[in-house]
Amino acid sequence: MSENSPEKTFQERVDEFVAIANQQAAESTVDDVNTSILFSAARFNAFSVARSVETADNLQAEKQAAIEFFTQRYAEMLNQNLEEYIARFDSYQQK
């Protein structure tokens, strides 16, 4: 990464999370790592929503919209990644 661009790109951040998940999967099960990732994402998503409001009442008011937003985005991302995996299944299975 160049000195002029200290901020990591979206893909660089994704790759770091995947690398950590792969390291943990070597010491645990993929299912356990999956559960940890999902819980971590939910925790960070809750933090993200909570920091965007002023009060617990506002958070309560935003709760359902946030759940719908993150659920929809996750479904879109999962679909996109499954489609990619289907298209490249044979090459991914060889790794």
PDB file of N, CA and C in Angstrom:
ATOM      1  N   MET A   1       0.853  -1.177   0.000  1.00  0.00           N
ATOM      2  CA  MET A   1       0.000   0.000   0.000  1.00  0.00           C
ATOM      3  C   MET A   1       0.893   1.232   0.000  1.00  0.00           C
ATOM      4  N   SER A   2       0.532   2.187  -0.806  1.00  0.00           N
ATOM      5  CA  SER A   2       1.378   3.372  -0.916  1.00  0.00           C
ATOM      6  C   SER A   2       1.172   4.297   0.274  1.00  0.00           C
ATOM      7  N   GLU A   3       2.164   5.136   0.506  1.00  0.00           N
ATOM      8  CA  GLU A   3       2.079   6.091   1.610  1.00  0.00           C
ATOM      9  C   GLU A   3       0.998   7.131   1.371  1.00  0.00           C
ATOM     10  N   ASN A   4       0.657   7.365   0.107  1.00  0.00           N
ATOM     11  CA  ASN A   4      -0.377   8.339  -0.229  1.00  0.00           C
ATOM     12  C   ASN A   4      -1.789   7.806   0.013  1.00  0.00           C
ATOM     13  N   SER A   5      -1.907   6.503   0.255  1.00  0.00           N
ATOM     14  CA  SER A   5      -3.213   5.881   0.423  1.00  0.00           C
ATOM     15  C   SER A   5      -3.230   5.018   1.686  1.00  0.00           C
ATOM     16  N   PRO A   6      -3.251   5.649   2.874  1.00  0.00           N
ATOM     17  CA  PRO A   6      -3.167   4.876   4.116  1.00  0.00           C
ATOM     18  C   PRO A   6      -4.436   4.084   4.420  1.00  0.00           C
ATOM     19  N   GLU A   7      -5.565   4.498   3.857  1.00  0.00           N
ATOM     20  CA  GLU A   7      -6.815   3.801   4.124  1.00  0.00           C
ATOM     21  C   GLU A   7      -6.906   2.536   3.284  1.00  0.00           C
ATOM     22  N   LYS A   8      -7.292   1.439   3.924  1.00  0.00           N
ATOM     23  CA  LYS A   8      -7.420   0.183   3.204  1.00  0.00           C
ATOM     24  C   LYS A   8      -8.680   0.206   2.343  1.00  0.00           C
ATOM     25  N   THR A   9      -8.604  -0.528   1.263  1.00  0.00           N
ATOM     26  CA  THR A   9      -9.761  -0.641   0.387  1.00  0.00           C
ATOM     27  C   THR A   9     -10.753  -1.641   0.968  1.00  0.00           C
ATOM     28  N   PHE A  10     -11.953  -1.615   0.457  1.00  0.00           N
ATOM     29  CA  PHE A  10     -12.977  -2.580   0.844  1.00  0.00           C
ATOM     30  C   PHE A  10     -12.442  -4.000   0.697  1.00  0.00           C
ATOM     31  N   GLN A  11     -11.872  -4.312  -0.452  1.00  0.00           N
ATOM     32  CA  GLN A  11     -11.392  -5.669  -0.714  1.00  0.00           C
ATOM     33  C   GLN A  11     -10.248  -6.055   0.221  1.00  0.00           C
ATOM     34  N   GLU A  12      -9.380  -5.123   0.549  1.00  0.00           N
ATOM     35  CA  GLU A  12      -8.287  -5.415   1.492  1.00  0.00           C
ATOM     36  C   GLU A  12      -8.841  -5.760   2.872  1.00  0.00           C
ATOM     37  N   ARG A  13      -9.870  -5.030   3.312  1.00  0.00           N
ATOM     38  CA  ARG A  13     -10.482  -5.339   4.609  1.00  0.00           C
ATOM     39  C   ARG A  13     -11.161  -6.703   4.573  1.00  0.00           C
ATOM     40  N   VAL A  14     -11.865  -6.978   3.480  1.00  0.00           N
ATOM     41  CA  VAL A  14     -12.511  -8.286   3.326  1.00  0.00           C
ATOM     42  C   VAL A  14     -11.462  -9.393   3.384  1.00  0.00           C
ATOM     43  N   ASP A  15     -10.392  -9.223   2.636  1.00  0.00           N
ATOM     44  CA  ASP A  15      -9.339 -10.239   2.594  1.00  0.00           C
ATOM     45  C   ASP A  15      -8.728 -10.485   3.973  1.00  0.00           C
ATOM     46  N   GLU A  16      -8.592  -9.440   4.777  1.00  0.00           N
ATOM     47  CA  GLU A  16      -8.058  -9.607   6.139  1.00  0.00           C
ATOM     48  C   GLU A  16      -9.002 -10.440   6.999  1.00  0.00           C
ATOM     49  N   PHE A  17     -10.299 -10.157   6.911  1.00  0.00           N
ATOM     50  CA  PHE A  17     -11.273 -10.940   7.680  1.00  0.00           C
ATOM     51  C   PHE A  17     -11.274 -12.400   7.236  1.00  0.00           C
ATOM     52  N   VAL A  18     -11.222 -12.633   5.938  1.00  0.00           N
ATOM     53  CA  VAL A  18     -11.215 -14.002   5.423  1.00  0.00           C
ATOM     54  C   VAL A  18      -9.940 -14.727   5.858  1.00  0.00           C
ATOM     55  N   ALA A  19      -8.813 -14.036   5.844  1.00  0.00           N
ATOM     56  CA  ALA A  19      -7.558 -14.654   6.293  1.00  0.00           C
ATOM     57  C   ALA A  19      -7.639 -15.064   7.760  1.00  0.00           C
ATOM     58  N   ILE A  20      -8.215 -14.205   8.592  1.00  0.00           N
ATOM     59  CA  ILE A  20      -8.387 -14.545  10.008  1.00  0.00           C
ATOM     60  C   ILE A  20      -9.322 -15.746  10.141  1.00  0.00           C
ATOM     61  N   ALA A  21     -10.410 -15.749   9.390  1.00  0.00           N
ATOM     62  CA  ALA A  21     -11.348 -16.869   9.437  1.00  0.00           C
ATOM     63  C   ALA A  21     -10.657 -18.165   9.017  1.00  0.00           C
ATOM     64  N   ASN A  22      -9.853 -18.101   7.972  1.00  0.00           N
ATOM     65  CA  ASN A  22      -9.126 -19.297   7.530  1.00  0.00           C
ATOM     66  C   ASN A  22      -8.151 -19.789   8.596  1.00  0.00           C
ATOM     67  N   GLN A  23      -7.473 -18.870   9.272  1.00  0.00           N
ATOM     68  CA  GLN A  23      -6.568 -19.251  10.360  1.00  0.00           C
ATOM     69  C   GLN A  23      -7.345 -19.940  11.478  1.00  0.00           C
ATOM     70  N   GLN A  24      -8.484 -19.361  11.842  1.00  0.00           N
ATOM     71  CA  GLN A  24      -9.286 -19.944  12.915  1.00  0.00           C
ATOM     72  C   GLN A  24      -9.863 -21.294  12.504  1.00  0.00           C
ATOM     73  N   ALA A  25     -10.232 -21.456  11.249  1.00  0.00           N
ATOM     74  CA  ALA A  25     -10.785 -22.726  10.772  1.00  0.00           C
ATOM     75  C   ALA A  25      -9.753 -23.843  10.831  1.00  0.00           C
ATOM     76  N   ALA A  26      -8.480 -23.481  10.755  1.00  0.00           N
ATOM     77  CA  ALA A  26      -7.428 -24.486  10.871  1.00  0.00           C
ATOM     78  C   ALA A  26      -7.312 -25.010  12.303  1.00  0.00           C
ATOM     79  N   GLU A  27      -7.799 -24.218  13.262  1.00  0.00           N
ATOM     80  CA  GLU A  27      -7.709 -24.596  14.672  1.00  0.00           C
ATOM     81  C   GLU A  27      -9.052 -24.996  15.260  1.00  0.00           C
ATOM     82  N   SER A  28     -10.128 -24.828  14.498  1.00  0.00           N
ATOM     83  CA  SER A  28     -11.479 -25.090  14.967  1.00  0.00           C
ATOM     84  C   SER A  28     -12.254 -25.720  13.820  1.00  0.00           C
ATOM     85  N   THR A  29     -13.564 -25.632  13.868  1.00  0.00           N
ATOM     86  CA  THR A  29     -14.358 -26.126  12.744  1.00  0.00           C
ATOM     87  C   THR A  29     -14.864 -24.937  11.927  1.00  0.00           C
ATOM     88  N   VAL A  30     -15.143 -25.191  10.665  1.00  0.00           N
ATOM     89  CA  VAL A  30     -15.685 -24.135   9.806  1.00  0.00           C
ATOM     90  C   VAL A  30     -17.014 -23.647  10.379  1.00  0.00           C
ATOM     91  N   ASP A  31     -17.828 -24.565  10.890  1.00  0.00           N
ATOM     92  CA  ASP A  31     -19.117 -24.162  11.465  1.00  0.00           C
ATOM     93  C   ASP A  31     -18.938 -23.243  12.669  1.00  0.00           C
ATOM     94  N   ASP A  32     -17.970 -23.548  13.529  1.00  0.00           N
ATOM     95  CA  ASP A  32     -17.720 -22.681  14.685  1.00  0.00           C
ATOM     96  C   ASP A  32     -17.236 -21.299  14.246  1.00  0.00           C
ATOM     97  N   VAL A  33     -16.371 -21.261  13.245  1.00  0.00           N
ATOM     98  CA  VAL A  33     -15.871 -19.982  12.734  1.00  0.00           C
ATOM     99  C   VAL A  33     -17.017 -19.212  12.090  1.00  0.00           C
ATOM    100  N   ASN A  34     -17.860 -19.901  11.325  1.00  0.00           N
ATOM    101  CA  ASN A  34     -19.024 -19.251  10.723  1.00  0.00           C
ATOM    102  C   ASN A  34     -19.901 -18.593  11.778  1.00  0.00           C
ATOM    103  N   THR A  35     -20.176 -19.325  12.850  1.00  0.00           N
ATOM    104  CA  THR A  35     -21.012 -18.786  13.921  1.00  0.00           C
ATOM    105  C   THR A  35     -20.355 -17.566  14.556  1.00  0.00           C
ATOM    106  N   SER A  36     -19.057 -17.630  14.764  1.00  0.00           N
ATOM    107  CA  SER A  36     -18.336 -16.489  15.337  1.00  0.00           C
ATOM    108  C   SER A  36     -18.388 -15.270  14.429  1.00  0.00           C
ATOM    109  N   ILE A  37     -18.239 -15.500  13.129  1.00  0.00           N
ATOM    110  CA  ILE A  37     -18.290 -14.395  12.173  1.00  0.00           C
ATOM    111  C   ILE A  37     -19.678 -13.757  12.169  1.00  0.00           C
ATOM    112  N   LEU A  38     -20.709 -14.588  12.125  1.00  0.00           N
ATOM    113  CA  LEU A  38     -22.075 -14.052  12.118  1.00  0.00           C
ATOM    114  C   LEU A  38     -22.360 -13.249  13.372  1.00  0.00           C
ATOM    115  N   PHE A  39     -21.953 -13.788  14.524  1.00  0.00           N
ATOM    116  CA  PHE A  39     -22.191 -13.063  15.778  1.00  0.00           C
ATOM    117  C   PHE A  39     -21.397 -11.757  15.802  1.00  0.00           C
ATOM    118  N   SER A  40     -20.157 -11.804  15.355  1.00  0.00           N
ATOM    119  CA  SER A  40     -19.327 -10.598  15.312  1.00  0.00           C
ATOM    120  C   SER A  40     -19.937  -9.547  14.391  1.00  0.00           C
ATOM    121  N   ALA A  41     -20.426  -9.972  13.235  1.00  0.00           N
ATOM    122  CA  ALA A  41     -21.063  -9.033  12.310  1.00  0.00           C
ATOM    123  C   ALA A  41     -22.307  -8.424  12.944  1.00  0.00           C
ATOM    124  N   ALA A  42     -23.110  -9.266  13.606  1.00  0.00           N
ATOM    125  CA  ALA A  42     -24.320  -8.750  14.252  1.00  0.00           C
ATOM    126  C   ALA A  42     -23.969  -7.747  15.345  1.00  0.00           C
ATOM    127  N   ARG A  43     -22.935  -8.056  16.123  1.00  0.00           N
ATOM    128  CA  ARG A  43     -22.519  -7.149  17.189  1.00  0.00           C
ATOM    129  C   ARG A  43     -22.044  -5.815  16.612  1.00  0.00           C
ATOM    130  N   PHE A  44     -21.225  -5.878  15.554  1.00  0.00           N
ATOM    131  CA  PHE A  44     -20.710  -4.648  14.968  1.00  0.00           C
ATOM    132  C   PHE A  44     -21.820  -3.878  14.262  1.00  0.00           C
ATOM    133  N   ASN A  45     -22.755  -4.584  13.630  1.00  0.00           N
ATOM    134  CA  ASN A  45     -23.892  -3.908  13.003  1.00  0.00           C
ATOM    135  C   ASN A  45     -24.731  -3.185  14.045  1.00  0.00           C
ATOM    136  N   ALA A  46     -24.970  -3.825  15.193  1.00  0.00           N
ATOM    137  CA  ALA A  46     -25.725  -3.178  16.273  1.00  0.00           C
ATOM    138  C   ALA A  46     -24.990  -1.922  16.747  1.00  0.00           C
ATOM    139  N   PHE A  47     -23.680  -2.014  16.904  1.00  0.00           N
ATOM    140  CA  PHE A  47     -22.864  -0.861  17.283  1.00  0.00           C
ATOM    141  C   PHE A  47     -23.000   0.259  16.258  1.00  0.00           C
ATOM    142  N   SER A  48     -22.944  -0.113  14.978  1.00  0.00           N
ATOM    143  CA  SER A  48     -23.045   0.869  13.902  1.00  0.00           C
ATOM    144  C   SER A  48     -24.375   1.614  13.943  1.00  0.00           C
ATOM    145  N   VAL A  49     -25.452   0.875  14.148  1.00  0.00           N
ATOM    146  CA  VAL A  49     -26.770   1.506  14.224  1.00  0.00           C
ATOM    147  C   VAL A  49     -26.870   2.352  15.487  1.00  0.00           C
ATOM    148  N   ALA A  50     -26.416   1.819  16.611  1.00  0.00           N
ATOM    149  CA  ALA A  50     -26.527   2.528  17.886  1.00  0.00           C
ATOM    150  C   ALA A  50     -25.780   3.856  17.878  1.00  0.00           C
ATOM    151  N   ARG A  51     -24.647   3.897  17.193  1.00  0.00           N
ATOM    152  CA  ARG A  51     -23.881   5.151  17.190  1.00  0.00           C
ATOM    153  C   ARG A  51     -24.483   6.200  16.276  1.00  0.00           C
ATOM    154  N   SER A  52     -25.482   5.801  15.483  1.00  0.00           N
ATOM    155  CA  SER A  52     -26.111   6.757  14.566  1.00  0.00           C
ATOM    156  C   SER A  52     -27.334   7.434  15.179  1.00  0.00           C
ATOM    157  N   VAL A  53     -27.688   7.064  16.408  1.00  0.00           N
ATOM    158  CA  VAL A  53     -28.865   7.645  17.068  1.00  0.00           C
ATOM    159  C   VAL A  53     -28.451   8.294  18.382  1.00  0.00           C
ATOM    160  N   GLU A  54     -29.350   9.101  18.908  1.00  0.00           N
ATOM    161  CA  GLU A  54     -29.050   9.853  20.135  1.00  0.00           C
ATOM    162  C   GLU A  54     -29.518   9.167  21.418  1.00  0.00           C
ATOM    163  N   THR A  55     -30.589   8.357  21.327  1.00  0.00           N
ATOM    164  CA  THR A  55     -31.163   7.773  22.540  1.00  0.00           C
ATOM    165  C   THR A  55     -31.558   6.317  22.311  1.00  0.00           C
ATOM    166  N   ALA A  56     -31.783   5.611  23.405  1.00  0.00           N
ATOM    167  CA  ALA A  56     -32.251   4.228  23.318  1.00  0.00           C
ATOM    168  C   ALA A  56     -33.622   4.173  22.654  1.00  0.00           C
ATOM    169  N   ASP A  57     -34.457   5.181  22.908  1.00  0.00           N
ATOM    170  CA  ASP A  57     -35.767   5.220  22.251  1.00  0.00           C
ATOM    171  C   ASP A  57     -35.618   5.335  20.735  1.00  0.00           C
ATOM    172  N   ASN A  58     -34.648   6.149  20.280  1.00  0.00           N
ATOM    173  CA  ASN A  58     -34.392   6.256  18.845  1.00  0.00           C
ATOM    174  C   ASN A  58     -33.875   4.926  18.283  1.00  0.00           C
ATOM    175  N   LEU A  59     -33.040   4.273  19.059  1.00  0.00           N
ATOM    176  CA  LEU A  59     -32.525   2.970  18.640  1.00  0.00           C
ATOM    177  C   LEU A  59     -33.662   1.966  18.520  1.00  0.00           C
ATOM    178  N   GLN A  60     -34.558   1.966  19.494  1.00  0.00           N
ATOM    179  CA  GLN A  60     -35.718   1.084  19.437  1.00  0.00           C
ATOM    180  C   GLN A  60     -36.553   1.381  18.188  1.00  0.00           C
ATOM    181  N   ALA A  61     -36.708   2.654  17.873  1.00  0.00           N
ATOM    182  CA  ALA A  61     -37.489   3.043  16.701  1.00  0.00           C
ATOM    183  C   ALA A  61     -36.821   2.610  15.390  1.00  0.00           C
ATOM    184  N   GLU A  62     -35.498   2.552  15.378  1.00  0.00           N
ATOM    185  CA  GLU A  62     -34.744   2.177  14.179  1.00  0.00           C
ATOM    186  C   GLU A  62     -34.481   0.682  14.079  1.00  0.00           C
ATOM    187  N   LYS A  63     -34.754  -0.048  15.145  1.00  0.00           N
ATOM    188  CA  LYS A  63     -34.387  -1.464  15.227  1.00  0.00           C
ATOM    189  C   LYS A  63     -34.903  -2.285  14.048  1.00  0.00           C
ATOM    190  N   GLN A  64     -36.187  -2.253  13.757  1.00  0.00           N
ATOM    191  CA  GLN A  64     -36.752  -3.088  12.692  1.00  0.00           C
ATOM    192  C   GLN A  64     -36.198  -2.708  11.328  1.00  0.00           C
ATOM    193  N   ALA A  65     -36.053  -1.418  11.067  1.00  0.00           N
ATOM    194  CA  ALA A  65     -35.488  -0.984   9.786  1.00  0.00           C
ATOM    195  C   ALA A  65     -34.054  -1.475   9.636  1.00  0.00           C
ATOM    196  N   ALA A  66     -33.307  -1.445  10.732  1.00  0.00           N
ATOM    197  CA  ALA A  66     -31.918  -1.915  10.691  1.00  0.00           C
ATOM    198  C   ALA A  66     -31.871  -3.417  10.410  1.00  0.00           C
ATOM    199  N   ILE A  67     -32.731  -4.164  11.083  1.00  0.00           N
ATOM    200  CA  ILE A  67     -32.768  -5.616  10.852  1.00  0.00           C
ATOM    201  C   ILE A  67     -33.097  -5.901   9.391  1.00  0.00           C
ATOM    202  N   GLU A  68     -34.082  -5.216   8.857  1.00  0.00           N
ATOM    203  CA  GLU A  68     -34.452  -5.421   7.454  1.00  0.00           C
ATOM    204  C   GLU A  68     -33.320  -5.036   6.507  1.00  0.00           C
ATOM    205  N   PHE A  69     -32.657  -3.931   6.790  1.00  0.00           N
ATOM    206  CA  PHE A  69     -31.545  -3.482   5.947  1.00  0.00           C
ATOM    207  C   PHE A  69     -30.417  -4.514   5.942  1.00  0.00           C
ATOM    208  N   PHE A  70     -29.955  -4.908   7.129  1.00  0.00           N
ATOM    209  CA  PHE A  70     -28.822  -5.832   7.195  1.00  0.00           C
ATOM    210  C   PHE A  70     -29.194  -7.223   6.685  1.00  0.00           C
ATOM    211  N   THR A  71     -30.425  -7.647   6.910  1.00  0.00           N
ATOM    212  CA  THR A  71     -30.872  -8.942   6.401  1.00  0.00           C
ATOM    213  C   THR A  71     -30.882  -8.936   4.873  1.00  0.00           C
ATOM    214  N   GLN A  72     -31.412  -7.880   4.289  1.00  0.00           N
ATOM    215  CA  GLN A  72     -31.447  -7.777   2.835  1.00  0.00           C
ATOM    216  C   GLN A  72     -30.038  -7.723   2.257  1.00  0.00           C
ATOM    217  N   ARG A  73     -29.182  -6.905   2.842  1.00  0.00           N
ATOM    218  CA  ARG A  73     -27.802  -6.794   2.337  1.00  0.00           C
ATOM    219  C   ARG A  73     -27.071  -8.127   2.458  1.00  0.00           C
ATOM    220  N   TYR A  74     -27.259  -8.832   3.592  1.00  0.00           N
ATOM    221  CA  TYR A  74     -26.593 -10.125   3.750  1.00  0.00           C
ATOM    222  C   TYR A  74     -27.084 -11.108   2.694  1.00  0.00           C
ATOM    223  N   ALA A  75     -28.396 -11.157   2.455  1.00  0.00           N
ATOM    224  CA  ALA A  75     -28.943 -12.063   1.440  1.00  0.00           C
ATOM    225  C   ALA A  75     -28.353 -11.755   0.069  1.00  0.00           C
ATOM    226  N   GLU A  76     -28.227 -10.476  -0.265  1.00  0.00           N
ATOM    227  CA  GLU A  76     -27.641 -10.085  -1.553  1.00  0.00           C
ATOM    228  C   GLU A  76     -26.183 -10.522  -1.648  1.00  0.00           C
ATOM    229  N   MET A  77     -25.424 -10.299  -0.593  1.00  0.00           N
ATOM    230  CA  MET A  77     -24.003 -10.653  -0.599  1.00  0.00           C
ATOM    231  C   MET A  77     -23.806 -12.165  -0.636  1.00  0.00           C
ATOM    232  N   LEU A  78     -24.619 -12.895   0.131  1.00  0.00           N
ATOM    233  CA  LEU A  78     -24.526 -14.352   0.127  1.00  0.00           C
ATOM    234  C   LEU A  78     -24.871 -14.890  -1.254  1.00  0.00           C
ATOM    235  N   ASN A  79     -25.921 -14.378  -1.865  1.00  0.00           N
ATOM    236  CA  ASN A  79     -26.296 -14.807  -3.206  1.00  0.00           C
ATOM    237  C   ASN A  79     -25.170 -14.553  -4.198  1.00  0.00           C
ATOM    238  N   GLN A  80     -24.585 -13.367  -4.140  1.00  0.00           N
ATOM    239  CA  GLN A  80     -23.493 -13.020  -5.055  1.00  0.00           C
ATOM    240  C   GLN A  80     -22.315 -13.983  -4.878  1.00  0.00           C
ATOM    241  N   ASN A  81     -21.956 -14.265  -3.643  1.00  0.00           N
ATOM    242  CA  ASN A  81     -20.818 -15.148  -3.399  1.00  0.00           C
ATOM    243  C   ASN A  81     -21.125 -16.592  -3.767  1.00  0.00           C
ATOM    244  N   LEU A  82     -22.348 -17.057  -3.533  1.00  0.00           N
ATOM    245  CA  LEU A  82     -22.717 -18.407  -3.950  1.00  0.00           C
ATOM    246  C   LEU A  82     -22.706 -18.523  -5.467  1.00  0.00           C
ATOM    247  N   GLU A  83     -23.200 -17.506  -6.166  1.00  0.00           N
ATOM    248  CA  GLU A  83     -23.161 -17.522  -7.628  1.00  0.00           C
ATOM    249  C   GLU A  83     -21.726 -17.603  -8.133  1.00  0.00           C
ATOM    250  N   GLU A  84     -20.831 -16.839  -7.511  1.00  0.00           N
ATOM    251  CA  GLU A  84     -19.414 -16.896  -7.909  1.00  0.00           C
ATOM    252  C   GLU A  84     -18.848 -18.282  -7.636  1.00  0.00           C
ATOM    253  N   TYR A  85     -19.183 -18.848  -6.474  1.00  0.00           N
ATOM    254  CA  TYR A  85     -18.669 -20.169  -6.126  1.00  0.00           C
ATOM    255  C   TYR A  85     -19.192 -21.220  -7.104  1.00  0.00           C
ATOM    256  N   ILE A  86     -20.460 -21.116  -7.490  1.00  0.00           N
ATOM    257  CA  ILE A  86     -21.034 -22.051  -8.459  1.00  0.00           C
ATOM    258  C   ILE A  86     -20.290 -21.949  -9.787  1.00  0.00           C
ATOM    259  N   ALA A  87     -20.040 -20.737 -10.233  1.00  0.00           N
ATOM    260  CA  ALA A  87     -19.367 -20.520 -11.510  1.00  0.00           C
ATOM    261  C   ALA A  87     -17.928 -21.031 -11.496  1.00  0.00           C
ATOM    262  N   ARG A  88     -17.303 -21.016 -10.336  1.00  0.00           N
ATOM    263  CA  ARG A  88     -15.885 -21.413 -10.241  1.00  0.00           C
ATOM    264  C   ARG A  88     -15.687 -22.633  -9.361  1.00  0.00           C
ATOM    265  N   PHE A  89     -16.735 -23.425  -9.200  1.00  0.00           N
ATOM    266  CA  PHE A  89     -16.725 -24.537  -8.257  1.00  0.00           C
ATOM    267  C   PHE A  89     -15.522 -25.459  -8.428  1.00  0.00           C
ATOM    268  N   ASP A  90     -15.287 -25.901  -9.644  1.00  0.00           N
ATOM    269  CA  ASP A  90     -14.192 -26.849  -9.870  1.00  0.00           C
ATOM    270  C   ASP A  90     -12.832 -26.272  -9.507  1.00  0.00           C
ATOM    271  N   SER A  91     -12.587 -25.017  -9.861  1.00  0.00           N
ATOM    272  CA  SER A  91     -11.285 -24.424  -9.538  1.00  0.00           C
ATOM    273  C   SER A  91     -11.161 -24.164  -8.039  1.00  0.00           C
ATOM    274  N   TYR A  92     -12.257 -23.801  -7.368  1.00  0.00           N
ATOM    275  CA  TYR A  92     -12.207 -23.579  -5.919  1.00  0.00           C
ATOM    276  C   TYR A  92     -12.002 -24.888  -5.152  1.00  0.00           C
ATOM    277  N   GLN A  93     -12.570 -25.973  -5.647  1.00  0.00           N
ATOM    278  CA  GLN A  93     -12.457 -27.253  -4.965  1.00  0.00           C
ATOM    279  C   GLN A  93     -11.051 -27.832  -5.064  1.00  0.00           C
ATOM    280  N   GLN A  94     -10.277 -27.394  -6.032  1.00  0.00           N
ATOM    281  CA  GLN A  94      -8.919 -27.896  -6.209  1.00  0.00           C
ATOM    282  C   GLN A  94      -7.934 -27.278  -5.245  1.00  0.00           C
ATOM    283  N   LYS A  95      -8.335 -26.176  -4.591  1.00  0.00           N
ATOM    284  CA  LYS A  95      -7.408 -25.477  -3.694  1.00  0.00           C
ATOM    285  C   LYS A  95      -7.231 -26.230  -2.411  1.00  0.00           C
TER     286      LYS A  95
END
